[in-house]
Amino acid sequence: MFKFSSSFLLHFIQKRFLNTVSTSTLPLASVSTVEFLTNSCGLSSGSPTSNGRKLQFDEKNIQQYEAVIGFLKSHGLENPQIAKLVSRKPWILQSKVPTNLKPKFEFLQETGFVGPLLPKVILTNPGILLRSLDSHLKPSFRLIKEMLESDEKENTESKSEEEEQGEKDE
């Protein structure tokens, strides 16, 4: 009955199912942290802000930040994309790779977001990485899949009925 474009579905997923809550204000970053971010992913040292919030990262956690940046790079995000992501959502660098990012990236890839589509999804709505995998992302994607399968089934049944009608008319 309805045919959805992939761009509409991406927009629908992001706006309806994956909206996120805002993060708290983050205080100033140290000079060496800004240098680290500039060197590791090209974040502009002139304005390390995120929607008016200042970046603050603990020097003790540089290895964790390196792990997050390395993980993002290994999944197709390039330095300018990572810099944009970090400047918009600095909390991303405070994510735990094995327990937070990795399972969500794997789920998105299993769902079909592979190649250049995966970074596009993450950059379009980085809050997707903030949502709970089991209680939010999986149920949301299941619902969307059911809707699409139902729509596809209706389209197939409708075409079959039209073909049968066409054969009767001949």
N, C-alpha and C. Protein backbone atom coordinates (compact mmCIF):
# COMPACT_ATOMS: atom_id res chain seq x y z
N MET A 1 0.82 -1.18 0.00
CA MET A 1 0.00 0.00 0.00
C MET A 1 0.87 1.25 0.00
N PHE A 2 1.75 1.43 0.99
CA PHE A 2 2.66 2.57 1.04
C PHE A 2 4.06 2.09 0.69
N LYS A 3 4.80 2.96 0.03
CA LYS A 3 6.19 2.64 -0.27
C LYS A 3 7.04 3.70 0.39
N PHE A 4 7.96 3.29 1.26
CA PHE A 4 8.81 4.20 2.00
C PHE A 4 10.19 4.26 1.37
N SER A 5 10.71 5.46 1.22
CA SER A 5 12.09 5.59 0.74
C SER A 5 13.02 5.36 1.92
N SER A 6 14.26 4.96 1.62
CA SER A 6 15.23 4.71 2.69
C SER A 6 15.55 6.00 3.45
N SER A 7 15.55 7.14 2.76
CA SER A 7 15.83 8.40 3.47
C SER A 7 14.69 8.76 4.42
N PHE A 8 13.44 8.47 4.02
CA PHE A 8 12.31 8.71 4.91
C PHE A 8 12.42 7.82 6.15
N LEU A 9 12.75 6.54 5.93
CA LEU A 9 12.86 5.62 7.06
C LEU A 9 13.96 6.04 8.00
N LEU A 10 15.09 6.47 7.46
CA LEU A 10 16.18 6.94 8.30
C LEU A 10 15.73 8.13 9.13
N HIS A 11 15.05 9.08 8.50
CA HIS A 11 14.54 10.25 9.20
C HIS A 11 13.52 9.82 10.26
N PHE A 12 12.62 8.91 9.90
CA PHE A 12 11.59 8.43 10.82
C PHE A 12 12.21 7.75 12.03
N ILE A 13 13.20 6.89 11.79
CA ILE A 13 13.88 6.20 12.88
C ILE A 13 14.49 7.21 13.82
N GLN A 14 15.18 8.18 13.25
CA GLN A 14 15.89 9.15 14.07
C GLN A 14 14.94 10.02 14.87
N LYS A 15 13.90 10.51 14.26
CA LYS A 15 13.02 11.46 14.92
C LYS A 15 12.01 10.81 15.85
N ARG A 16 11.53 9.63 15.51
CA ARG A 16 10.47 9.01 16.30
C ARG A 16 10.97 8.03 17.34
N PHE A 17 11.99 7.29 17.03
CA PHE A 17 12.38 6.20 17.90
C PHE A 17 13.70 6.44 18.62
N LEU A 18 14.52 7.33 18.13
CA LEU A 18 15.85 7.43 18.67
C LEU A 18 16.15 8.78 19.29
N ASN A 19 15.14 9.59 19.55
CA ASN A 19 15.39 10.87 20.20
C ASN A 19 16.04 10.63 21.55
N THR A 20 16.92 11.54 21.91
CA THR A 20 17.67 11.35 23.14
C THR A 20 17.47 12.52 24.07
N VAL A 21 17.84 12.29 25.30
CA VAL A 21 17.82 13.36 26.28
C VAL A 21 19.12 14.14 26.17
N SER A 22 19.11 15.40 26.56
CA SER A 22 20.33 16.20 26.47
C SER A 22 21.27 15.83 27.60
N THR A 23 22.55 16.04 27.34
CA THR A 23 23.55 15.74 28.35
C THR A 23 23.78 16.96 29.22
N SER A 24 24.42 16.74 30.34
CA SER A 24 24.68 17.84 31.27
C SER A 24 25.80 18.73 30.75
N THR A 25 25.90 19.92 31.31
CA THR A 25 26.94 20.85 30.93
C THR A 25 28.30 20.32 31.36
N LEU A 26 29.25 20.48 30.47
CA LEU A 26 30.59 19.99 30.74
C LEU A 26 31.54 21.17 30.90
N PRO A 27 32.32 21.23 31.98
CA PRO A 27 33.25 22.34 32.18
C PRO A 27 34.40 22.34 31.18
N LEU A 28 35.31 23.30 31.32
CA LEU A 28 36.42 23.51 30.40
C LEU A 28 37.39 22.34 30.30
N ALA A 29 37.95 22.19 29.12
CA ALA A 29 38.97 21.18 28.90
C ALA A 29 40.33 21.76 29.20
N SER A 30 41.27 20.89 29.52
CA SER A 30 42.63 21.36 29.73
C SER A 30 43.30 21.55 28.37
N VAL A 31 44.40 22.28 28.35
CA VAL A 31 45.11 22.54 27.10
C VAL A 31 45.59 21.24 26.46
N SER A 32 46.13 20.33 27.27
CA SER A 32 46.64 19.09 26.69
C SER A 32 45.52 18.22 26.14
N THR A 33 44.33 18.28 26.72
CA THR A 33 43.20 17.52 26.19
C THR A 33 42.79 18.08 24.84
N VAL A 34 42.74 19.41 24.73
CA VAL A 34 42.41 20.03 23.46
C VAL A 34 43.46 19.65 22.41
N GLU A 35 44.72 19.66 22.80
CA GLU A 35 45.79 19.26 21.88
C GLU A 35 45.60 17.80 21.46
N PHE A 36 45.25 16.94 22.42
CA PHE A 36 45.02 15.54 22.10
C PHE A 36 43.89 15.40 21.07
N LEU A 37 42.79 16.10 21.31
CA LEU A 37 41.66 16.01 20.39
C LEU A 37 42.01 16.59 19.02
N THR A 38 42.79 17.64 19.00
CA THR A 38 43.23 18.23 17.73
C THR A 38 44.11 17.25 16.97
N ASN A 39 45.03 16.61 17.67
CA ASN A 39 45.96 15.68 17.02
C ASN A 39 45.31 14.36 16.63
N SER A 40 44.38 13.87 17.43
CA SER A 40 43.83 12.54 17.19
C SER A 40 42.71 12.52 16.17
N CYS A 41 41.91 13.58 16.12
CA CYS A 41 40.79 13.54 15.18
C CYS A 41 40.55 14.86 14.47
N GLY A 42 41.40 15.84 14.69
CA GLY A 42 41.28 17.10 13.96
C GLY A 42 40.27 18.06 14.54
N LEU A 43 39.87 17.87 15.78
CA LEU A 43 38.93 18.80 16.40
C LEU A 43 39.57 20.18 16.47
N SER A 44 38.86 21.18 16.07
CA SER A 44 39.39 22.54 16.06
C SER A 44 39.74 22.98 17.47
N SER A 45 40.98 23.39 17.65
CA SER A 45 41.42 23.81 18.98
C SER A 45 40.88 25.19 19.33
N GLY A 46 40.38 25.91 18.33
CA GLY A 46 39.86 27.25 18.58
C GLY A 46 38.55 27.27 19.32
N SER A 47 37.74 26.25 19.15
CA SER A 47 36.42 26.28 19.79
C SER A 47 35.97 24.88 20.20
N PRO A 48 36.53 24.34 21.25
CA PRO A 48 36.10 23.02 21.70
C PRO A 48 34.78 23.11 22.46
N THR A 49 33.69 23.38 21.73
CA THR A 49 32.39 23.49 22.37
C THR A 49 31.41 22.52 21.73
N SER A 50 30.37 22.25 22.44
CA SER A 50 29.30 21.41 21.95
C SER A 50 27.99 22.09 22.28
N ASN A 51 27.39 22.70 21.28
CA ASN A 51 26.14 23.40 21.49
C ASN A 51 26.21 24.32 22.70
N GLY A 52 27.30 25.06 22.81
CA GLY A 52 27.46 25.99 23.91
C GLY A 52 28.07 25.40 25.15
N ARG A 53 28.29 24.10 25.17
CA ARG A 53 28.89 23.46 26.34
C ARG A 53 30.38 23.29 26.10
N LYS A 54 31.17 23.49 27.10
CA LYS A 54 32.61 23.31 26.99
C LYS A 54 32.95 21.83 27.19
N LEU A 55 34.00 21.41 26.51
CA LEU A 55 34.48 20.05 26.70
C LEU A 55 35.33 19.96 27.95
N GLN A 56 35.16 18.90 28.68
CA GLN A 56 36.05 18.63 29.81
C GLN A 56 36.34 17.15 29.84
N PHE A 57 37.62 16.83 29.82
CA PHE A 57 38.01 15.45 29.89
C PHE A 57 39.15 15.32 30.87
N ASP A 58 39.15 14.25 31.58
CA ASP A 58 40.16 13.98 32.58
C ASP A 58 41.41 13.43 31.90
N GLU A 59 42.57 13.99 32.23
CA GLU A 59 43.83 13.54 31.65
C GLU A 59 44.05 12.04 31.89
N LYS A 60 43.52 11.51 32.97
CA LYS A 60 43.70 10.09 33.31
C LYS A 60 43.00 9.18 32.30
N ASN A 61 42.05 9.75 31.57
CA ASN A 61 41.24 8.93 30.67
C ASN A 61 41.65 9.03 29.21
N ILE A 62 42.81 9.57 28.93
CA ILE A 62 43.26 9.73 27.54
C ILE A 62 43.25 8.38 26.82
N GLN A 63 43.64 7.30 27.48
CA GLN A 63 43.64 5.99 26.83
C GLN A 63 42.23 5.57 26.42
N GLN A 64 41.27 5.88 27.28
CA GLN A 64 39.88 5.56 26.94
C GLN A 64 39.45 6.37 25.72
N TYR A 65 39.80 7.65 25.67
CA TYR A 65 39.43 8.49 24.53
C TYR A 65 40.08 7.98 23.26
N GLU A 66 41.35 7.55 23.37
CA GLU A 66 42.05 6.98 22.21
C GLU A 66 41.33 5.71 21.75
N ALA A 67 40.87 4.90 22.69
CA ALA A 67 40.16 3.67 22.34
C ALA A 67 38.86 3.99 21.59
N VAL A 68 38.13 4.99 22.05
CA VAL A 68 36.88 5.38 21.40
C VAL A 68 37.17 5.89 19.99
N ILE A 69 38.15 6.77 19.86
CA ILE A 69 38.48 7.32 18.55
C ILE A 69 38.95 6.20 17.61
N GLY A 70 39.78 5.29 18.11
CA GLY A 70 40.22 4.16 17.30
C GLY A 70 39.06 3.28 16.87
N PHE A 71 38.12 3.05 17.79
CA PHE A 71 36.94 2.25 17.47
C PHE A 71 36.11 2.92 16.37
N LEU A 72 35.89 4.22 16.51
CA LEU A 72 35.12 4.94 15.51
C LEU A 72 35.81 4.89 14.14
N LYS A 73 37.11 5.05 14.14
CA LYS A 73 37.87 4.98 12.88
C LYS A 73 37.76 3.58 12.27
N SER A 74 37.79 2.55 13.11
CA SER A 74 37.72 1.18 12.61
C SER A 74 36.34 0.85 12.02
N HIS A 75 35.36 1.69 12.30
CA HIS A 75 34.01 1.48 11.76
C HIS A 75 33.64 2.50 10.68
N GLY A 76 34.66 3.09 10.08
CA GLY A 76 34.43 3.90 8.89
C GLY A 76 34.30 5.39 9.10
N LEU A 77 34.37 5.86 10.34
CA LEU A 77 34.31 7.30 10.55
C LEU A 77 35.69 7.90 10.30
N GLU A 78 35.73 9.00 9.59
CA GLU A 78 36.99 9.67 9.29
C GLU A 78 37.20 10.81 10.27
N ASN A 79 38.43 11.33 10.33
CA ASN A 79 38.77 12.37 11.31
C ASN A 79 37.78 13.54 11.32
N PRO A 80 37.42 14.13 10.17
CA PRO A 80 36.46 15.24 10.23
C PRO A 80 35.11 14.84 10.81
N GLN A 81 34.69 13.61 10.52
CA GLN A 81 33.42 13.13 11.07
C GLN A 81 33.52 12.93 12.58
N ILE A 82 34.64 12.38 13.03
CA ILE A 82 34.84 12.16 14.47
C ILE A 82 34.93 13.51 15.18
N ALA A 83 35.63 14.47 14.58
CA ALA A 83 35.73 15.80 15.17
C ALA A 83 34.35 16.44 15.30
N LYS A 84 33.54 16.29 14.27
CA LYS A 84 32.17 16.84 14.30
C LYS A 84 31.35 16.15 15.39
N LEU A 85 31.48 14.84 15.47
CA LEU A 85 30.75 14.07 16.47
C LEU A 85 31.15 14.48 17.89
N VAL A 86 32.45 14.58 18.12
CA VAL A 86 32.96 14.95 19.45
C VAL A 86 32.58 16.38 19.81
N SER A 87 32.62 17.27 18.84
CA SER A 87 32.26 18.66 19.16
C SER A 87 30.77 18.79 19.45
N ARG A 88 29.95 17.97 18.80
CA ARG A 88 28.50 18.01 19.05
C ARG A 88 28.11 17.24 20.31
N LYS A 89 28.75 16.10 20.51
CA LYS A 89 28.39 15.20 21.62
C LYS A 89 29.66 14.73 22.33
N PRO A 90 30.24 15.57 23.16
CA PRO A 90 31.51 15.20 23.80
C PRO A 90 31.43 13.97 24.68
N TRP A 91 30.26 13.62 25.16
CA TRP A 91 30.11 12.44 26.01
C TRP A 91 30.53 11.17 25.29
N ILE A 92 30.56 11.21 23.95
CA ILE A 92 30.92 10.01 23.19
C ILE A 92 32.29 9.48 23.60
N LEU A 93 33.22 10.39 23.93
CA LEU A 93 34.56 9.96 24.30
C LEU A 93 34.58 9.32 25.69
N GLN A 94 33.54 9.49 26.45
CA GLN A 94 33.47 8.88 27.77
C GLN A 94 32.76 7.53 27.74
N SER A 95 32.39 7.09 26.55
CA SER A 95 31.72 5.79 26.39
C SER A 95 32.72 4.66 26.55
N LYS A 96 32.24 3.57 27.05
CA LYS A 96 33.05 2.36 27.18
C LYS A 96 32.88 1.56 25.87
N VAL A 97 33.99 1.31 25.20
CA VAL A 97 33.92 0.62 23.91
C VAL A 97 33.33 -0.78 24.02
N PRO A 98 33.85 -1.66 24.89
CA PRO A 98 33.34 -3.04 24.88
C PRO A 98 31.90 -3.19 25.34
N THR A 99 31.48 -2.37 26.28
CA THR A 99 30.14 -2.56 26.85
C THR A 99 29.08 -1.63 26.28
N ASN A 100 29.48 -0.52 25.66
CA ASN A 100 28.50 0.43 25.15
C ASN A 100 28.55 0.51 23.62
N LEU A 101 29.66 0.95 23.09
CA LEU A 101 29.73 1.21 21.65
C LEU A 101 29.71 -0.07 20.80
N LYS A 102 30.54 -1.02 21.16
CA LYS A 102 30.67 -2.23 20.33
C LYS A 102 29.34 -2.96 20.13
N PRO A 103 28.57 -3.24 21.19
CA PRO A 103 27.29 -3.94 20.97
C PRO A 103 26.31 -3.14 20.10
N LYS A 104 26.30 -1.83 20.24
CA LYS A 104 25.38 -1.02 19.44
C LYS A 104 25.80 -0.97 17.98
N PHE A 105 27.10 -0.84 17.73
CA PHE A 105 27.59 -0.86 16.35
C PHE A 105 27.31 -2.22 15.71
N GLU A 106 27.54 -3.30 16.46
CA GLU A 106 27.26 -4.63 15.94
C GLU A 106 25.78 -4.79 15.60
N PHE A 107 24.91 -4.31 16.47
CA PHE A 107 23.48 -4.39 16.22
C PHE A 107 23.11 -3.60 14.96
N LEU A 108 23.63 -2.39 14.84
CA LEU A 108 23.34 -1.57 13.65
C LEU A 108 23.82 -2.26 12.38
N GLN A 109 24.99 -2.89 12.45
CA GLN A 109 25.50 -3.59 11.28
C GLN A 109 24.63 -4.81 10.95
N GLU A 110 24.20 -5.55 11.97
CA GLU A 110 23.32 -6.70 11.75
C GLU A 110 21.99 -6.26 11.16
N THR A 111 21.57 -5.06 11.51
CA THR A 111 20.31 -4.53 11.02
C THR A 111 20.41 -4.07 9.57
N GLY A 112 21.63 -3.91 9.08
CA GLY A 112 21.81 -3.54 7.68
C GLY A 112 22.50 -2.21 7.46
N PHE A 113 22.89 -1.55 8.52
CA PHE A 113 23.61 -0.28 8.39
C PHE A 113 25.10 -0.59 8.27
N VAL A 114 25.53 -0.81 7.06
CA VAL A 114 26.92 -1.18 6.81
C VAL A 114 27.55 -0.20 5.83
N GLY A 115 28.87 -0.27 5.71
CA GLY A 115 29.58 0.61 4.79
C GLY A 115 29.39 2.06 5.18
N PRO A 116 29.23 2.95 4.19
CA PRO A 116 29.10 4.38 4.48
C PRO A 116 27.79 4.74 5.19
N LEU A 117 26.83 3.83 5.18
CA LEU A 117 25.56 4.11 5.84
C LEU A 117 25.70 4.13 7.36
N LEU A 118 26.61 3.33 7.91
CA LEU A 118 26.80 3.29 9.36
C LEU A 118 27.28 4.64 9.90
N PRO A 119 28.36 5.23 9.36
CA PRO A 119 28.75 6.56 9.85
C PRO A 119 27.65 7.60 9.64
N LYS A 120 26.92 7.48 8.55
CA LYS A 120 25.84 8.45 8.28
C LYS A 120 24.77 8.39 9.38
N VAL A 121 24.40 7.19 9.79
CA VAL A 121 23.41 7.03 10.85
C VAL A 121 23.93 7.61 12.16
N ILE A 122 25.18 7.31 12.48
CA ILE A 122 25.77 7.79 13.74
C ILE A 122 25.89 9.31 13.73
N LEU A 123 26.33 9.88 12.62
CA LEU A 123 26.50 11.33 12.57
C LEU A 123 25.17 12.07 12.53
N THR A 124 24.19 11.49 11.89
CA THR A 124 22.89 12.13 11.81
C THR A 124 22.20 12.17 13.16
N ASN A 125 22.38 11.10 13.93
CA ASN A 125 21.78 11.05 15.26
C ASN A 125 22.70 10.33 16.23
N PRO A 126 23.73 11.04 16.73
CA PRO A 126 24.68 10.40 17.63
C PRO A 126 24.04 9.92 18.93
N GLY A 127 22.89 10.47 19.27
CA GLY A 127 22.19 10.04 20.48
C GLY A 127 21.78 8.59 20.44
N ILE A 128 21.79 7.98 19.26
CA ILE A 128 21.48 6.56 19.15
C ILE A 128 22.42 5.74 20.01
N LEU A 129 23.63 6.26 20.21
CA LEU A 129 24.62 5.55 21.02
C LEU A 129 24.39 5.73 22.51
N LEU A 130 23.49 6.62 22.86
CA LEU A 130 23.16 6.87 24.26
C LEU A 130 22.01 5.98 24.73
N ARG A 131 21.20 5.54 23.79
CA ARG A 131 20.01 4.77 24.13
C ARG A 131 20.37 3.34 24.52
N SER A 132 19.52 2.74 25.32
CA SER A 132 19.71 1.36 25.75
C SER A 132 19.48 0.42 24.56
N LEU A 133 20.39 -0.50 24.38
CA LEU A 133 20.28 -1.44 23.27
C LEU A 133 19.07 -2.36 23.43
N ASP A 134 18.95 -2.97 24.60
CA ASP A 134 17.90 -3.97 24.79
C ASP A 134 16.51 -3.38 25.05
N SER A 135 16.44 -2.27 25.74
CA SER A 135 15.11 -1.75 26.07
C SER A 135 14.64 -0.64 25.11
N HIS A 136 15.50 -0.17 24.22
CA HIS A 136 15.05 0.88 23.31
C HIS A 136 15.35 0.58 21.84
N LEU A 137 16.62 0.38 21.51
CA LEU A 137 16.98 0.22 20.11
C LEU A 137 16.37 -1.03 19.48
N LYS A 138 16.56 -2.18 20.11
CA LYS A 138 16.04 -3.43 19.55
C LYS A 138 14.51 -3.40 19.40
N PRO A 139 13.76 -2.98 20.42
CA PRO A 139 12.30 -2.92 20.23
C PRO A 139 11.89 -1.93 19.14
N SER A 140 12.57 -0.81 19.05
CA SER A 140 12.23 0.18 18.02
C SER A 140 12.47 -0.39 16.62
N PHE A 141 13.60 -1.04 16.43
CA PHE A 141 13.90 -1.61 15.12
C PHE A 141 12.97 -2.77 14.80
N ARG A 142 12.60 -3.56 15.82
CA ARG A 142 11.66 -4.65 15.61
C ARG A 142 10.31 -4.11 15.11
N LEU A 143 9.85 -3.03 15.74
CA LEU A 143 8.59 -2.42 15.34
C LEU A 143 8.66 -1.92 13.91
N ILE A 144 9.73 -1.25 13.57
CA ILE A 144 9.88 -0.73 12.20
C ILE A 144 9.92 -1.88 11.21
N LYS A 145 10.64 -2.94 11.54
CA LYS A 145 10.73 -4.10 10.65
C LYS A 145 9.35 -4.72 10.44
N GLU A 146 8.59 -4.86 11.52
CA GLU A 146 7.24 -5.42 11.41
C GLU A 146 6.36 -4.55 10.53
N MET A 147 6.47 -3.24 10.68
CA MET A 147 5.69 -2.32 9.85
C MET A 147 6.06 -2.47 8.38
N LEU A 148 7.35 -2.56 8.10
CA LEU A 148 7.79 -2.70 6.72
C LEU A 148 7.38 -4.04 6.13
N GLU A 149 7.52 -5.11 6.90
CA GLU A 149 7.11 -6.43 6.42
C GLU A 149 5.62 -6.48 6.16
N SER A 150 4.84 -5.86 7.03
CA SER A 150 3.40 -5.81 6.85
C SER A 150 3.05 -5.05 5.59
N ASP A 151 3.73 -3.93 5.38
CA ASP A 151 3.49 -3.11 4.19
C ASP A 151 3.90 -3.87 2.93
N GLU A 152 5.00 -4.58 3.00
CA GLU A 152 5.48 -5.35 1.85
C GLU A 152 4.49 -6.46 1.52
N LYS A 153 3.96 -7.11 2.56
CA LYS A 153 2.99 -8.18 2.37
C LYS A 153 1.73 -7.64 1.70
N GLU A 154 1.26 -6.47 2.16
CA GLU A 154 0.08 -5.83 1.56
C GLU A 154 0.35 -5.49 0.10
N ASN A 155 1.55 -4.98 -0.21
CA ASN A 155 1.89 -4.64 -1.59
C ASN A 155 1.89 -5.89 -2.46
N THR A 156 2.44 -6.99 -1.95
CA THR A 156 2.50 -8.24 -2.70
C THR A 156 1.09 -8.77 -2.95
N GLU A 157 0.25 -8.75 -1.90
CA GLU A 157 -1.13 -9.23 -2.05
C GLU A 157 -1.89 -8.35 -3.03
N SER A 158 -1.69 -7.07 -2.97
CA SER A 158 -2.37 -6.13 -3.86
C SER A 158 -1.97 -6.38 -5.31
N LYS A 159 -0.67 -6.61 -5.55
CA LYS A 159 -0.20 -6.89 -6.91
C LYS A 159 -0.78 -8.20 -7.43
N SER A 160 -0.86 -9.21 -6.56
CA SER A 160 -1.43 -10.50 -6.96
C SER A 160 -2.89 -10.34 -7.36
N GLU A 161 -3.63 -9.57 -6.59
CA GLU A 161 -5.03 -9.33 -6.91
C GLU A 161 -5.17 -8.59 -8.23
N GLU A 162 -4.30 -7.63 -8.49
CA GLU A 162 -4.34 -6.88 -9.75
C GLU A 162 -4.01 -7.78 -10.92
N GLU A 163 -3.03 -8.66 -10.74
CA GLU A 163 -2.66 -9.59 -11.81
C GLU A 163 -3.80 -10.55 -12.09
N GLU A 164 -4.46 -11.05 -11.04
CA GLU A 164 -5.59 -11.95 -11.22
C GLU A 164 -6.73 -11.25 -11.95
N GLN A 165 -6.99 -10.01 -11.60
CA GLN A 165 -8.03 -9.23 -12.24
C GLN A 165 -7.69 -9.00 -13.71
N GLY A 166 -6.40 -8.73 -13.98
CA GLY A 166 -5.95 -8.52 -15.36
C GLY A 166 -6.12 -9.76 -16.19
N GLU A 167 -5.86 -10.94 -15.61
CA GLU A 167 -6.02 -12.20 -16.34
C GLU A 167 -7.49 -12.46 -16.62
N LYS A 168 -8.39 -12.12 -15.71
CA LYS A 168 -9.83 -12.32 -15.91
C LYS A 168 -10.34 -11.41 -17.02
N ASP A 169 -9.81 -10.20 -17.09
CA ASP A 169 -10.24 -9.24 -18.11
C ASP A 169 -9.84 -9.67 -19.51
N GLU A 170 -8.76 -10.47 -19.62
CA GLU A 170 -8.30 -10.89 -20.95
C GLU A 170 -9.14 -12.00 -21.42
